[in-house]
Amino acid sequence: HGFAKTDAEVLRLYSEAEPAAQQGEYAEYREILQRVMRGVAESVGFAPSENDLSCLADSLGGWLAFDDTVGALTALKTRYKLAIVSNIDDDLFELTAQRLGVEFDEVVTAQQARGYKPSIRNFEILFQRLGIDRSRILHVAESLYHDVVPANELGLRVVLVNRHGESGGGATRPADGKPDLEVSDLTELVSKMGLS
């Protein structure tokens, strides 16, 4: 559409549009992504085509995991149960799961919870399914807004994976969550846990 935006600017636009897109009654993630694209288009000043509105959801099946993810999950799985609390729908998570290389002990999607993190309902469903004391759960995530803030509210220990360093960034809005530990990637976490 003729707009020159850096990756950081595009991610910031996404982070501003997403919370508004998730307001109100639950909608499937594909619809959320269409709302986000409408919000981004409005912010930048263009009229989105149908292709513009569907491009994010259509591309999700091709998104690759970060380079450190598969090895770290494999190492963690040797000692721990692994669970996912995801802000996408079941079918879209299945596409992602195929790239992650491990079987998860539990998966809670936004579709199952009928809502999106930072809602604590998504976490409460996980607690119910796991049937273990919260003190035995370590939540590892990349978003202060979606994950660290609700984990703090629920009394969970939480690790922030800060892939963006001091520049911040990413596709989530700023928030005041307080992680117990901050790492630059999952390889660093695995090393700190003595699994490398």
Protein backbone atom coordinates (compact mmCIF):
# COMPACT_ATOMS: atom_id res chain seq x y z
CA HIS A 1 0.00 0.00 0.00
CA GLY A 2 3.02 2.26 -0.37
CA PHE A 3 3.81 2.70 3.32
CA ALA A 4 7.39 2.20 4.52
CA LYS A 5 7.36 0.72 8.03
CA THR A 6 10.13 -1.02 9.92
CA ASP A 7 9.50 -4.41 11.50
CA ALA A 8 9.40 -2.71 14.92
CA GLU A 9 6.79 -0.22 13.69
CA VAL A 10 4.63 -2.99 12.23
CA LEU A 11 4.83 -4.96 15.48
CA ARG A 12 3.91 -1.84 17.47
CA LEU A 13 0.86 -1.30 15.24
CA TYR A 14 -0.13 -4.92 15.83
CA SER A 15 0.32 -4.56 19.61
CA GLU A 16 -1.96 -1.52 19.62
CA ALA A 17 -4.69 -3.12 17.48
CA GLU A 18 -4.81 -6.57 19.10
CA PRO A 19 -6.30 -5.73 22.54
CA ALA A 20 -9.14 -3.80 20.91
CA ALA A 21 -9.74 -6.69 18.50
CA GLN A 22 -10.16 -9.10 21.41
CA GLN A 23 -12.72 -6.98 23.28
CA GLY A 24 -16.30 -8.13 23.62
CA GLU A 25 -17.63 -11.62 23.07
CA TYR A 26 -15.25 -14.38 22.06
CA ALA A 27 -14.45 -14.60 18.35
CA GLU A 28 -12.26 -17.18 16.63
CA TYR A 29 -8.63 -16.22 16.19
CA ARG A 30 -9.00 -15.86 12.43
CA GLU A 31 -11.60 -13.15 13.07
CA ILE A 32 -9.33 -11.53 15.67
CA LEU A 33 -6.51 -11.35 13.13
CA GLN A 34 -8.88 -9.79 10.59
CA ARG A 35 -9.88 -7.18 13.18
CA VAL A 36 -6.20 -6.51 13.88
CA MET A 37 -5.56 -5.97 10.19
CA ARG A 38 -8.50 -3.55 10.03
CA GLY A 39 -7.04 -1.68 13.00
CA VAL A 40 -3.59 -1.52 11.45
CA ALA A 41 -5.07 -0.34 8.13
CA GLU A 42 -7.03 2.36 9.94
CA SER A 43 -3.94 3.51 11.85
CA VAL A 44 -1.83 3.71 8.72
CA GLY A 45 -4.58 5.01 6.48
CA PHE A 46 -5.51 2.48 3.83
CA ALA A 47 -8.60 0.48 2.92
CA PRO A 48 -7.75 -3.22 3.38
CA SER A 49 -8.64 -5.79 0.72
CA GLU A 50 -10.06 -9.21 1.60
CA ASN A 51 -6.56 -10.59 1.02
CA ASP A 52 -5.12 -8.04 3.47
CA LEU A 53 -7.65 -9.10 6.09
CA SER A 54 -6.96 -12.84 5.76
CA CYS A 55 -3.18 -12.76 5.22
CA LEU A 56 -2.14 -13.24 8.85
CA ALA A 57 -4.39 -16.23 9.53
CA ASP A 58 -3.53 -17.74 6.16
CA SER A 59 0.19 -17.46 6.88
CA LEU A 60 0.15 -18.84 10.43
CA GLY A 61 0.61 -22.46 9.36
CA GLY A 62 3.92 -21.51 7.79
CA TRP A 63 5.37 -19.66 10.77
CA LEU A 64 8.58 -21.26 11.98
CA ALA A 65 9.56 -21.76 15.60
CA PHE A 66 12.48 -19.73 16.92
CA ASP A 67 15.78 -21.56 16.38
CA ASP A 68 16.16 -22.36 20.09
CA THR A 69 12.62 -23.63 20.68
CA VAL A 70 12.67 -27.27 19.54
CA GLY A 71 15.94 -28.11 21.28
CA ALA A 72 14.86 -26.39 24.48
CA LEU A 73 11.46 -28.10 24.55
CA THR A 74 13.12 -31.46 23.92
CA ALA A 75 15.54 -30.88 26.81
CA LEU A 76 12.79 -29.67 29.16
CA LYS A 77 10.59 -32.66 28.30
CA THR A 78 13.26 -35.02 29.67
CA ARG A 79 12.50 -33.77 33.20
CA TYR A 80 9.21 -31.85 33.17
CA LYS A 81 5.66 -32.01 31.95
CA LEU A 82 5.00 -29.39 29.30
CA ALA A 83 1.77 -27.49 28.84
CA ILE A 84 0.72 -24.72 26.48
CA VAL A 85 -1.67 -21.84 27.15
CA SER A 86 -2.13 -20.43 23.66
CA ASN A 87 -4.01 -17.45 22.30
CA ILE A 88 -4.93 -19.23 19.07
CA ASP A 89 -7.55 -21.80 18.07
CA ASP A 90 -7.19 -25.58 18.12
CA ASP A 91 -6.65 -26.04 14.38
CA LEU A 92 -4.07 -23.27 14.17
CA PHE A 93 -2.21 -24.63 17.19
CA GLU A 94 -2.07 -28.05 15.53
CA LEU A 95 -0.17 -26.46 12.65
CA THR A 96 2.28 -24.93 15.12
CA ALA A 97 2.59 -28.09 17.23
CA GLN A 98 3.87 -30.04 14.24
CA ARG A 99 6.95 -27.79 14.21
CA LEU A 100 7.70 -27.98 17.94
CA GLY A 101 8.96 -31.56 18.09
CA VAL A 102 7.46 -32.65 21.43
CA GLU A 103 4.16 -33.92 22.72
CA PHE A 104 2.55 -31.59 25.21
CA ASP A 105 0.92 -32.94 28.36
CA GLU A 106 -1.82 -30.30 28.19
CA VAL A 107 -2.89 -27.68 25.69
CA VAL A 108 -5.35 -24.89 26.46
CA THR A 109 -6.26 -22.72 23.50
CA ALA A 110 -8.24 -19.51 23.35
CA GLN A 111 -10.92 -21.49 21.56
CA GLN A 112 -11.25 -23.91 24.48
CA ALA A 113 -11.24 -21.07 27.04
CA ARG A 114 -13.55 -18.90 24.89
CA GLY A 115 -11.28 -15.96 25.55
CA TYR A 116 -7.78 -14.58 25.24
CA LYS A 117 -4.92 -14.02 27.62
CA PRO A 118 -4.39 -11.92 29.68
CA SER A 119 -7.66 -13.44 30.95
CA ILE A 120 -6.89 -15.63 33.95
CA ARG A 121 -9.64 -18.05 32.86
CA ASN A 122 -7.23 -19.60 30.36
CA PHE A 123 -4.79 -20.35 33.18
CA GLU A 124 -7.51 -21.62 35.51
CA ILE A 125 -8.53 -24.20 32.90
CA LEU A 126 -4.92 -25.38 32.82
CA PHE A 127 -4.78 -25.62 36.62
CA GLN A 128 -7.92 -27.73 36.63
CA ARG A 129 -6.57 -30.08 33.96
CA LEU A 130 -3.14 -30.45 35.53
CA GLY A 131 -4.54 -31.06 39.00
CA ILE A 132 -1.32 -29.98 40.72
CA ASP A 133 -0.52 -27.18 43.13
CA ARG A 134 0.31 -23.88 41.42
CA SER A 135 3.58 -23.75 43.33
CA ARG A 136 4.81 -26.57 41.08
CA ILE A 137 4.16 -24.60 37.87
CA LEU A 138 6.73 -22.44 36.11
CA HIS A 139 5.20 -20.25 33.40
CA VAL A 140 7.61 -19.35 30.59
CA ALA A 141 6.50 -16.73 28.09
CA GLU A 142 7.53 -13.81 25.88
CA SER A 143 4.74 -11.35 26.67
CA LEU A 144 4.55 -9.18 29.76
CA TYR A 145 1.00 -8.18 28.83
CA HIS A 146 -0.46 -11.59 27.92
CA ASP A 147 1.48 -13.81 30.31
CA VAL A 148 3.58 -12.21 33.03
CA VAL A 149 0.84 -9.91 34.36
CA PRO A 150 -1.77 -12.70 34.75
CA ALA A 151 0.89 -15.11 36.08
CA ASN A 152 1.78 -12.50 38.73
CA GLU A 153 -1.91 -12.13 39.59
CA LEU A 154 -2.22 -15.89 40.01
CA GLY A 155 0.93 -16.25 42.11
CA LEU A 156 2.84 -18.28 39.53
CA ARG A 157 6.59 -18.24 39.15
CA VAL A 158 7.28 -16.84 35.71
CA VAL A 159 10.20 -16.55 33.30
CA LEU A 160 10.19 -13.83 30.67
CA VAL A 161 11.89 -14.75 27.41
CA ASN A 162 13.00 -11.30 26.28
CA ARG A 163 14.14 -11.82 22.70
CA HIS A 164 14.12 -8.07 22.01
CA GLY A 165 16.52 -6.97 24.75
CA GLU A 166 16.41 -3.42 26.01
CA SER A 167 14.77 -2.20 22.81
CA GLY A 168 11.55 -3.84 23.97
CA GLY A 169 9.37 -4.35 20.96
CA GLY A 170 7.57 -7.41 19.91
CA ALA A 171 3.91 -7.71 19.07
CA THR A 172 2.52 -7.09 22.54
CA ARG A 173 1.63 -3.93 24.37
CA PRO A 174 3.86 -2.74 27.20
CA ALA A 175 2.89 -3.87 30.70
CA ASP A 176 4.23 -3.79 34.25
CA GLY A 177 4.56 -7.50 34.92
CA LYS A 178 7.41 -8.68 37.14
CA PRO A 179 9.08 -11.91 36.03
CA ASP A 180 11.04 -13.99 38.53
CA LEU A 181 13.72 -14.50 35.89
CA GLU A 182 14.45 -12.95 32.52
CA VAL A 183 16.36 -14.79 29.78
CA SER A 184 17.27 -13.83 26.23
CA ASP A 185 16.09 -17.14 24.75
CA LEU A 186 15.11 -20.68 25.72
CA THR A 187 18.67 -21.98 25.37
CA GLU A 188 19.67 -19.69 28.23
CA LEU A 189 16.77 -21.00 30.33
CA VAL A 190 17.70 -24.63 29.65
CA SER A 191 21.30 -23.87 30.63
CA LYS A 192 20.22 -22.18 33.89
CA MET A 193 18.12 -25.25 34.67
CA GLY A 194 21.13 -27.54 34.20
CA LEU A 195 19.68 -29.37 31.21
CA SER A 196 22.19 -28.45 28.50
